[in-house]
Amino acid sequence: MIPLEDLYLIFSAGLVVAGLSLVGAAVRAYASTERRAMIFLSLGFTLIVAATVSTALGALITDFQNVRTLLLVNNGFSMGGYLFVLYSVVAQ
């Protein structure tokens, strides 16, 4: 059976790959359309990926000891990322 920490890293890696794929798609969309919304979309997905990476690294460095801090960092980066994504969808 795979240890829980290893599963966490595998799922985190999957999130990072998916998120960076979305960043790449948004950058390509900006290159072809020159719509500013695509810049904000790529920034949003970048922050969401940063949330995953920072939480995973923080968890490994602290041996999963500072759960409240990890959640705060994750939610902070995620909220910023989702605000950029929301802005890219709503703002014209």
Protein backbone atom coordinates (compact mmCIF):
# COMPACT_ATOMS: atom_id res chain seq x y z
CA MET A 1 0.00 0.00 0.00
CA ILE A 2 1.23 3.51 -0.86
CA PRO A 3 1.92 5.72 2.18
CA LEU A 4 -0.40 8.72 2.57
CA GLU A 5 2.44 11.22 2.11
CA ASP A 6 3.37 9.63 -1.22
CA LEU A 7 -0.24 9.78 -2.40
CA TYR A 8 -0.37 13.43 -1.43
CA LEU A 9 2.73 14.14 -3.53
CA ILE A 10 1.36 12.19 -6.49
CA PHE A 11 -1.94 14.10 -6.40
CA SER A 12 -0.08 17.40 -5.95
CA ALA A 13 2.07 16.62 -8.98
CA GLY A 14 -1.08 15.90 -10.99
CA LEU A 15 -2.55 19.25 -9.94
CA VAL A 16 0.65 21.05 -10.91
CA VAL A 17 0.73 19.41 -14.36
CA ALA A 18 -2.95 20.19 -14.98
CA GLY A 19 -2.55 23.76 -13.73
CA LEU A 20 0.54 24.45 -15.81
CA SER A 21 -1.30 23.05 -18.85
CA LEU A 22 -4.03 25.62 -18.22
CA VAL A 23 -1.43 28.36 -17.83
CA GLY A 24 0.08 27.35 -21.16
CA ALA A 25 -3.31 27.32 -22.86
CA ALA A 26 -4.11 30.79 -21.52
CA VAL A 27 -0.76 32.16 -22.68
CA ARG A 28 -1.27 30.66 -26.15
CA ALA A 29 -4.78 32.16 -26.23
CA TYR A 30 -3.32 35.56 -25.36
CA ALA A 31 -0.70 35.21 -28.08
CA SER A 32 -3.33 34.50 -30.70
CA THR A 33 -6.07 36.92 -29.54
CA GLU A 34 -4.16 39.59 -27.57
CA ARG A 35 -7.07 39.75 -25.10
CA ARG A 36 -5.94 41.09 -21.71
CA ALA A 37 -8.33 38.71 -19.99
CA MET A 38 -6.06 35.83 -20.99
CA ILE A 39 -3.17 37.40 -19.05
CA PHE A 40 -5.32 37.52 -15.92
CA LEU A 41 -6.47 33.97 -16.54
CA SER A 42 -2.88 32.72 -16.80
CA LEU A 43 -1.92 34.67 -13.66
CA GLY A 44 -4.84 33.11 -11.82
CA PHE A 45 -3.89 29.59 -12.79
CA THR A 46 -0.26 30.34 -11.91
CA LEU A 47 -1.29 31.35 -8.39
CA ILE A 48 -3.43 28.24 -8.05
CA VAL A 49 -0.42 26.12 -9.03
CA ALA A 50 1.68 28.13 -6.55
CA ALA A 51 -0.83 27.20 -3.84
CA THR A 52 -0.34 23.52 -4.57
CA VAL A 53 3.44 23.73 -4.77
CA SER A 54 3.86 25.88 -1.66
CA THR A 55 1.55 23.69 0.38
CA ALA A 56 3.27 20.47 -0.72
CA LEU A 57 6.75 21.87 -0.09
CA GLY A 58 5.70 23.34 3.24
CA ALA A 59 4.15 20.05 4.29
CA LEU A 60 7.32 18.13 3.43
CA ILE A 61 9.66 20.65 5.06
CA THR A 62 7.65 20.80 8.29
CA ASP A 63 6.76 17.10 8.26
CA PHE A 64 3.05 18.02 8.18
CA GLN A 65 3.32 19.73 11.58
CA ASN A 66 2.02 23.26 10.90
CA VAL A 67 -1.35 22.40 9.45
CA ARG A 68 -2.95 25.78 10.17
CA THR A 69 -0.13 27.63 8.47
CA LEU A 70 -0.23 25.28 5.50
CA LEU A 71 -3.97 25.81 5.11
CA LEU A 72 -3.57 29.58 5.40
CA VAL A 73 -0.89 29.64 2.70
CA ASN A 74 -2.94 27.34 0.47
CA ASN A 75 -6.12 29.37 0.87
CA GLY A 76 -4.30 32.66 0.36
CA PHE A 77 -2.70 31.64 -2.91
CA SER A 78 -5.88 29.88 -4.07
CA MET A 79 -8.07 32.88 -3.28
CA GLY A 80 -5.74 35.19 -5.19
CA GLY A 81 -5.70 32.81 -8.13
CA TYR A 82 -9.45 32.42 -8.23
CA LEU A 83 -9.91 36.20 -8.02
CA PHE A 84 -7.72 36.59 -11.11
CA VAL A 85 -9.68 33.85 -12.89
CA LEU A 86 -12.96 35.50 -11.92
CA TYR A 87 -11.71 38.89 -13.09
CA SER A 88 -10.65 37.42 -16.43
CA VAL A 89 -14.13 36.00 -16.96
CA VAL A 90 -16.18 38.98 -15.73
CA ALA A 91 -14.13 41.98 -16.89
CA GLN A 92 -14.37 42.98 -20.50
